[in-house]
C-alpha cells in the first residue's frame, strides 16, 4: 500500500509547536536585549551624572574665589584706618562707605550645586562676613589637588567644608596665630543637615 501524506491536522500541530518554540526564543532574546540596553543606559547615566557634578564643583570653586577676593578687597580698602568686614553680601555690590561708587562683585552668585542664591556665612570677629560656604548636602567628588588657597579643602567630606574665607594674621599675634572667622555657623549647619537627613525625607 502506498504511503500517503500526513493528515493536515497532524502537520498543523507539528508546525504550531515549532512556531511556539521559535516565538519563545525570540521573546527571551528581546528580554535579554532590553536588559543589556537598560544596563548600558544606567551606566551612561551614572557617568554623565558624575561629569555634571564635577562641572558644578569647578563652578563652585570659581564662585567661591570671587566671594573671597571681594571680601578681601572690601576689608583691605576700609577707610579711616579701621578695617572691617562687610555686614552683608550686598555690601560687596556697593560699598557705601565711599562717596564714589566702589564695587567688589558684579552680582550675588548662585550656588552652582544647590542652584539657589543662598550661602552659609562665616562670621568674623567684628560680626561681619569673613567668608561663605555652600549649603549643599552630600560629599564632594573632588578631594585632592586643590590650589594653595583651597588647601584646607583636601579630604573634605561635606561641601560646607569648602569655606571661602579671607583670613588674616594679625601683627604681633603670639605664635603667629591666625585671626580666623568662626566656623560655628558651618558646624551648626552640618548638624542640622544630619538631623534632617535622619528624619523622614521631605532641590
C-alpha atoms as a PDB file:
ATOM      1  CA  UNK A   1       0.000   0.000   0.000  1.00  0.00           C
ATOM      2  CA  UNK A   2       1.388   3.373  -0.990  1.00  0.00           C
ATOM      3  CA  UNK A   3       2.304   5.677   1.865  1.00  0.00           C
ATOM      4  CA  UNK A   4       0.181   8.757   1.834  1.00  0.00           C
ATOM      5  CA  UNK A   5       0.861  12.268   3.047  1.00  0.00           C
ATOM      6  CA  UNK A   6       0.310  13.032   6.740  1.00  0.00           C
ATOM      7  CA  UNK A   7      -3.048  14.346   7.540  1.00  0.00           C
ATOM      8  CA  UNK A   8      -3.405  18.095   7.531  1.00  0.00           C
ATOM      9  CA  UNK A   9      -4.200  18.194  11.228  1.00  0.00           C
ATOM     10  CA  UNK A  10      -1.014  16.369  12.178  1.00  0.00           C
ATOM     11  CA  UNK A  11       1.101  18.651  10.047  1.00  0.00           C
ATOM     12  CA  UNK A  12      -0.566  21.711  11.523  1.00  0.00           C
ATOM     13  CA  UNK A  13       0.044  20.529  15.074  1.00  0.00           C
ATOM     14  CA  UNK A  14       3.761  19.984  14.344  1.00  0.00           C
ATOM     15  CA  UNK A  15       4.100  23.403  12.748  1.00  0.00           C
ATOM     16  CA  UNK A  16       2.327  25.037  15.673  1.00  0.00           C
ATOM     17  CA  UNK A  17       4.740  23.516  18.194  1.00  0.00           C
ATOM     18  CA  UNK A  18       7.785  24.701  16.224  1.00  0.00           C
ATOM     19  CA  UNK A  19       6.263  28.154  15.956  1.00  0.00           C
ATOM     20  CA  UNK A  20       5.729  28.356  19.690  1.00  0.00           C
ATOM     21  CA  UNK A  21       9.365  27.368  20.355  1.00  0.00           C
ATOM     22  CA  UNK A  22      10.562  29.985  17.899  1.00  0.00           C
ATOM     23  CA  UNK A  23       8.367  32.650  19.472  1.00  0.00           C
ATOM     24  CA  UNK A  24       9.677  31.705  22.910  1.00  0.00           C
ATOM     25  CA  UNK A  25      13.301  32.095  21.848  1.00  0.00           C
ATOM     26  CA  UNK A  26      12.505  35.416  20.189  1.00  0.00           C
ATOM     27  CA  UNK A  27      10.820  36.686  23.374  1.00  0.00           C
ATOM     28  CA  UNK A  28      13.825  35.687  25.509  1.00  0.00           C
ATOM     29  CA  UNK A  29      16.146  37.388  23.050  1.00  0.00           C
ATOM     30  CA  UNK A  30      14.135  40.594  23.266  1.00  0.00           C
ATOM     31  CA  UNK A  31      14.205  40.459  27.080  1.00  0.00           C
ATOM     32  CA  UNK A  32      17.972  39.998  27.090  1.00  0.00           C
ATOM     33  CA  UNK A  33      18.405  42.873  24.646  1.00  0.00           C
ATOM     34  CA  UNK A  34      16.225  45.141  26.785  1.00  0.00           C
ATOM     35  CA  UNK A  35      18.179  44.179  29.909  1.00  0.00           C
ATOM     36  CA  UNK A  36      21.519  44.897  28.216  1.00  0.00           C
ATOM     37  CA  UNK A  37      20.288  48.237  26.889  1.00  0.00           C
ATOM     38  CA  UNK A  38      18.959  49.149  30.329  1.00  0.00           C
ATOM     39  CA  UNK A  39      22.304  48.364  31.947  1.00  0.00           C
ATOM     40  CA  UNK A  40      24.147  50.421  29.335  1.00  0.00           C
ATOM     41  CA  UNK A  41      21.787  53.362  29.787  1.00  0.00           C
ATOM     42  CA  UNK A  42      22.157  53.189  33.564  1.00  0.00           C
ATOM     43  CA  UNK A  43      25.944  53.154  33.290  1.00  0.00           C
ATOM     44  CA  UNK A  44      25.864  56.047  30.836  1.00  0.00           C
ATOM     45  CA  UNK A  45      23.538  57.995  33.117  1.00  0.00           C
ATOM     46  CA  UNK A  46      25.816  57.440  36.094  1.00  0.00           C
ATOM     47  CA  UNK A  47      28.868  58.596  34.162  1.00  0.00           C
ATOM     48  CA  UNK A  48      27.030  61.669  32.885  1.00  0.00           C
ATOM     49  CA  UNK A  49      25.822  62.482  36.406  1.00  0.00           C
ATOM     50  CA  UNK A  50      29.405  62.347  37.654  1.00  0.00           C
ATOM     51  CA  UNK A  51      30.530  64.658  34.852  1.00  0.00           C
ATOM     52  CA  UNK A  52      27.813  67.171  35.750  1.00  0.00           C
ATOM     53  CA  UNK A  53      28.757  67.069  39.437  1.00  0.00           C
ATOM     54  CA  UNK A  54      32.410  67.687  38.628  1.00  0.00           C
ATOM     55  CA  UNK A  55      31.461  70.671  36.490  1.00  0.00           C
ATOM     56  CA  UNK A  56      29.332  72.113  39.283  1.00  0.00           C
ATOM     57  CA  UNK A  57      32.187  71.673  41.745  1.00  0.00           C
ATOM     58  CA  UNK A  58      34.528  73.561  39.432  1.00  0.00           C
ATOM     59  CA  UNK A  59      31.941  76.323  39.158  1.00  0.00           C
ATOM     60  CA  UNK A  60      31.601  76.377  42.952  1.00  0.00           C
ATOM     61  CA  UNK A  61      35.348  76.859  43.313  1.00  0.00           C
ATOM     62  CA  UNK A  62      35.266  79.738  40.823  1.00  0.00           C
ATOM     63  CA  UNK A  63      32.335  81.453  42.528  1.00  0.00           C
ATOM     64  CA  UNK A  64      33.841  80.915  45.972  1.00  0.00           C
ATOM     65  CA  UNK A  65      37.059  82.552  44.828  1.00  0.00           C
ATOM     66  CA  UNK A  66      35.066  85.565  43.611  1.00  0.00           C
ATOM     67  CA  UNK A  67      33.487  85.972  47.040  1.00  0.00           C
ATOM     68  CA  UNK A  68      36.803  85.538  48.821  1.00  0.00           C
ATOM     69  CA  UNK A  69      38.522  88.156  46.667  1.00  0.00           C
ATOM     70  CA  UNK A  70      35.609  90.572  47.032  1.00  0.00           C
ATOM     71  CA  UNK A  71      35.700  90.240  50.830  1.00  0.00           C
ATOM     72  CA  UNK A  72      39.468  90.790  50.787  1.00  0.00           C
ATOM     73  CA  UNK A  73      39.106  93.982  48.775  1.00  0.00           C
ATOM     74  CA  UNK A  74      36.298  95.275  50.989  1.00  0.00           C
ATOM     75  CA  UNK A  75      38.376  94.643  54.109  1.00  0.00           C
ATOM     76  CA  UNK A  76      41.672  95.975  52.816  1.00  0.00           C
ATOM     77  CA  UNK A  77      40.099  99.127  51.377  1.00  0.00           C
ATOM     78  CA  UNK A  78      38.339 100.090  54.593  1.00  0.00           C
ATOM     79  CA  UNK A  79      38.522 103.877  55.007  1.00  0.00           C
ATOM     80  CA  UNK A  80      39.586 105.642  58.180  1.00  0.00           C
ATOM     81  CA  UNK A  81      42.283 103.223  59.253  1.00  0.00           C
ATOM     82  CA  UNK A  82      39.870 100.751  60.909  1.00  0.00           C
ATOM     83  CA  UNK A  83      39.442  97.703  58.732  1.00  0.00           C
ATOM     84  CA  UNK A  84      36.086  95.995  58.770  1.00  0.00           C
ATOM     85  CA  UNK A  85      34.401  93.062  57.081  1.00  0.00           C
ATOM     86  CA  UNK A  86      31.161  93.563  55.116  1.00  0.00           C
ATOM     87  CA  UNK A  87      27.983  93.345  57.184  1.00  0.00           C
ATOM     88  CA  UNK A  88      26.028  91.782  54.321  1.00  0.00           C
ATOM     89  CA  UNK A  89      26.876  90.302  50.941  1.00  0.00           C
ATOM     90  CA  UNK A  90      25.119  93.265  49.334  1.00  0.00           C
ATOM     91  CA  UNK A  91      27.916  95.468  50.695  1.00  0.00           C
ATOM     92  CA  UNK A  92      30.159  93.772  48.151  1.00  0.00           C
ATOM     93  CA  UNK A  93      27.947  95.048  45.344  1.00  0.00           C
ATOM     94  CA  UNK A  94      28.125  98.660  46.517  1.00  0.00           C
ATOM     95  CA  UNK A  95      30.483  99.911  49.217  1.00  0.00           C
ATOM     96  CA  UNK A  96      28.516 102.744  50.818  1.00  0.00           C
ATOM     97  CA  UNK A  97      31.498 103.795  52.914  1.00  0.00           C
ATOM     98  CA  UNK A  98      32.735 105.795  49.934  1.00  0.00           C
ATOM     99  CA  UNK A  99      31.111 108.828  48.294  1.00  0.00           C
ATOM    100  CA  UNK A 100      32.027 107.382  44.905  1.00  0.00           C
ATOM    101  CA  UNK A 101      30.934 104.022  43.525  1.00  0.00           C
ATOM    102  CA  UNK A 102      33.016 101.112  44.785  1.00  0.00           C
ATOM    103  CA  UNK A 103      32.031  97.597  43.716  1.00  0.00           C
ATOM    104  CA  UNK A 104      33.777  94.321  44.502  1.00  0.00           C
ATOM    105  CA  UNK A 105      31.228  91.916  42.978  1.00  0.00           C
ATOM    106  CA  UNK A 106      29.076  92.294  39.885  1.00  0.00           C
ATOM    107  CA  UNK A 107      26.300  90.222  41.417  1.00  0.00           C
ATOM    108  CA  UNK A 108      25.486  87.804  44.211  1.00  0.00           C
ATOM    109  CA  UNK A 109      26.229  84.491  42.546  1.00  0.00           C
ATOM    110  CA  UNK A 110      24.006  81.453  42.711  1.00  0.00           C
ATOM    111  CA  UNK A 111      25.420  78.360  44.364  1.00  0.00           C
ATOM    112  CA  UNK A 112      26.127  76.066  41.379  1.00  0.00           C
ATOM    113  CA  UNK A 113      25.497  72.950  43.475  1.00  0.00           C
ATOM    114  CA  UNK A 114      22.158  73.920  45.057  1.00  0.00           C
ATOM    115  CA  UNK A 115      21.034  76.217  42.262  1.00  0.00           C
ATOM    116  CA  UNK A 116      19.989  78.774  44.898  1.00  0.00           C
ATOM    117  CA  UNK A 117      21.194  82.274  45.691  1.00  0.00           C
ATOM    118  CA  UNK A 118      21.734  81.308  49.310  1.00  0.00           C
ATOM    119  CA  UNK A 119      25.025  80.853  51.141  1.00  0.00           C
ATOM    120  CA  UNK A 120      26.238  79.879  54.561  1.00  0.00           C
ATOM    121  CA  UNK A 121      28.043  82.816  56.145  1.00  0.00           C
ATOM    122  CA  UNK A 122      31.242  82.704  58.172  1.00  0.00           C
ATOM    123  CA  UNK A 123      31.298  85.340  60.886  1.00  0.00           C
ATOM    124  CA  UNK A 124      34.362  87.471  61.527  1.00  0.00           C
ATOM    125  CA  UNK A 125      35.425  88.712  64.994  1.00  0.00           C
ATOM    126  CA  UNK A 126      33.754  92.072  64.255  1.00  0.00           C
ATOM    127  CA  UNK A 127      30.497  90.227  63.421  1.00  0.00           C
ATOM    128  CA  UNK A 128      30.944  90.976  59.753  1.00  0.00           C
ATOM    129  CA  UNK A 129      31.103  88.364  56.987  1.00  0.00           C
ATOM    130  CA  UNK A 130      34.530  86.808  56.547  1.00  0.00           C
ATOM    131  CA  UNK A 131      33.523  84.126  54.071  1.00  0.00           C
ATOM    132  CA  UNK A 132      30.870  81.929  52.522  1.00  0.00           C
ATOM    133  CA  UNK A 133      30.263  78.226  52.081  1.00  0.00           C
ATOM    134  CA  UNK A 134      27.790  76.073  50.186  1.00  0.00           C
ATOM    135  CA  UNK A 135      24.617  74.869  51.886  1.00  0.00           C
ATOM    136  CA  UNK A 136      24.564  71.798  49.640  1.00  0.00           C
ATOM    137  CA  UNK A 137      24.383  68.369  51.213  1.00  0.00           C
ATOM    138  CA  UNK A 138      26.474  65.469  50.067  1.00  0.00           C
ATOM    139  CA  UNK A 139      30.120  64.612  49.658  1.00  0.00           C
ATOM    140  CA  UNK A 140      32.283  66.333  47.043  1.00  0.00           C
ATOM    141  CA  UNK A 141      33.828  64.200  44.322  1.00  0.00           C
ATOM    142  CA  UNK A 142      36.971  66.330  44.344  1.00  0.00           C
ATOM    143  CA  UNK A 143      39.002  65.614  47.472  1.00  0.00           C
ATOM    144  CA  UNK A 144      42.555  66.475  46.408  1.00  0.00           C
ATOM    145  CA  UNK A 145      44.740  68.575  44.084  1.00  0.00           C
ATOM    146  CA  UNK A 146      43.431  71.929  45.282  1.00  0.00           C
ATOM    147  CA  UNK A 147      45.285  75.187  44.787  1.00  0.00           C
ATOM    148  CA  UNK A 148      47.150  76.674  47.745  1.00  0.00           C
ATOM    149  CA  UNK A 149      44.309  78.996  48.880  1.00  0.00           C
ATOM    150  CA  UNK A 150      41.984  75.971  48.998  1.00  0.00           C
ATOM    151  CA  UNK A 151      44.429  73.525  50.574  1.00  0.00           C
ATOM    152  CA  UNK A 152      42.151  73.119  53.610  1.00  0.00           C
ATOM    153  CA  UNK A 153      39.508  71.538  51.359  1.00  0.00           C
ATOM    154  CA  UNK A 154      41.578  68.373  50.945  1.00  0.00           C
ATOM    155  CA  UNK A 155      39.663  65.299  52.076  1.00  0.00           C
ATOM    156  CA  UNK A 156      36.516  67.277  52.921  1.00  0.00           C
ATOM    157  CA  UNK A 157      33.502  65.017  53.316  1.00  0.00           C
ATOM    158  CA  UNK A 158      30.942  67.803  53.023  1.00  0.00           C
ATOM    159  CA  UNK A 159      30.519  70.769  50.728  1.00  0.00           C
ATOM    160  CA  UNK A 160      30.138  73.010  53.777  1.00  0.00           C
ATOM    161  CA  UNK A 161      33.809  72.325  54.499  1.00  0.00           C
ATOM    162  CA  UNK A 162      34.703  74.249  51.360  1.00  0.00           C
ATOM    163  CA  UNK A 163      34.845  77.557  53.216  1.00  0.00           C
ATOM    164  CA  UNK A 164      35.852  80.524  51.083  1.00  0.00           C
ATOM    165  CA  UNK A 165      37.051  82.979  53.697  1.00  0.00           C
ATOM    166  CA  UNK A 166      39.550  85.795  53.886  1.00  0.00           C
ATOM    167  CA  UNK A 167      41.759  85.066  56.893  1.00  0.00           C
ATOM    168  CA  UNK A 168      44.412  87.315  58.321  1.00  0.00           C
ATOM    169  CA  UNK A 169      47.471  87.091  60.526  1.00  0.00           C
ATOM    170  CA  UNK A 170      47.297  89.955  62.967  1.00  0.00           C
ATOM    171  CA  UNK A 171      50.557  91.858  63.589  1.00  0.00           C
ATOM    172  CA  UNK A 172      52.074  90.986  66.945  1.00  0.00           C
ATOM    173  CA  UNK A 173      49.860  87.931  67.463  1.00  0.00           C
ATOM    174  CA  UNK A 174      51.567  85.355  69.637  1.00  0.00           C
ATOM    175  CA  UNK A 175      52.910  82.336  67.761  1.00  0.00           C
ATOM    176  CA  UNK A 176      51.563  83.798  64.535  1.00  0.00           C
ATOM    177  CA  UNK A 177      48.079  82.553  65.329  1.00  0.00           C
ATOM    178  CA  UNK A 178      45.501  83.482  62.747  1.00  0.00           C
ATOM    179  CA  UNK A 179      42.519  85.746  63.144  1.00  0.00           C
ATOM    180  CA  UNK A 180      40.226  83.194  61.547  1.00  0.00           C
ATOM    181  CA  UNK A 181      36.483  83.591  61.185  1.00  0.00           C
ATOM    182  CA  UNK A 182      34.288  81.441  63.352  1.00  0.00           C
ATOM    183  CA  UNK A 183      33.190  78.150  61.811  1.00  0.00           C
ATOM    184  CA  UNK A 184      30.466  77.527  64.374  1.00  0.00           C
ATOM    185  CA  UNK A 185      27.786  78.502  61.867  1.00  0.00           C
ATOM    186  CA  UNK A 186      29.105  75.928  59.407  1.00  0.00           C
ATOM    187  CA  UNK A 187      29.169  73.228  62.086  1.00  0.00           C
ATOM    188  CA  UNK A 188      25.635  74.110  63.204  1.00  0.00           C
ATOM    189  CA  UNK A 189      24.502  73.878  59.594  1.00  0.00           C
ATOM    190  CA  UNK A 190      26.083  70.434  59.236  1.00  0.00           C
ATOM    191  CA  UNK A 191      24.474  69.210  62.465  1.00  0.00           C
ATOM    192  CA  UNK A 192      21.095  70.465  61.283  1.00  0.00           C
ATOM    193  CA  UNK A 193      21.587  68.732  57.929  1.00  0.00           C
ATOM    194  CA  UNK A 194      22.432  65.495  59.715  1.00  0.00           C
ATOM    195  CA  UNK A 195      19.287  65.731  61.841  1.00  0.00           C
ATOM    196  CA  UNK A 196      17.191  66.386  58.770  1.00  0.00           C
ATOM    197  CA  UNK A 197      18.842  63.531  56.921  1.00  0.00           C
ATOM    198  CA  UNK A 198      17.960  61.119  59.707  1.00  0.00           C
ATOM    199  CA  UNK A 199      14.394  62.420  59.861  1.00  0.00           C
ATOM    200  CA  UNK A 200      11.721  61.361  57.349  1.00  0.00           C
ATOM    201  CA  UNK A 201      12.557  62.803  53.956  1.00  0.00           C
ATOM    202  CA  UNK A 202      10.537  65.733  52.704  1.00  0.00           C
ATOM    203  CA  UNK A 203      16.271  70.573  45.164  1.00  0.00           C
END
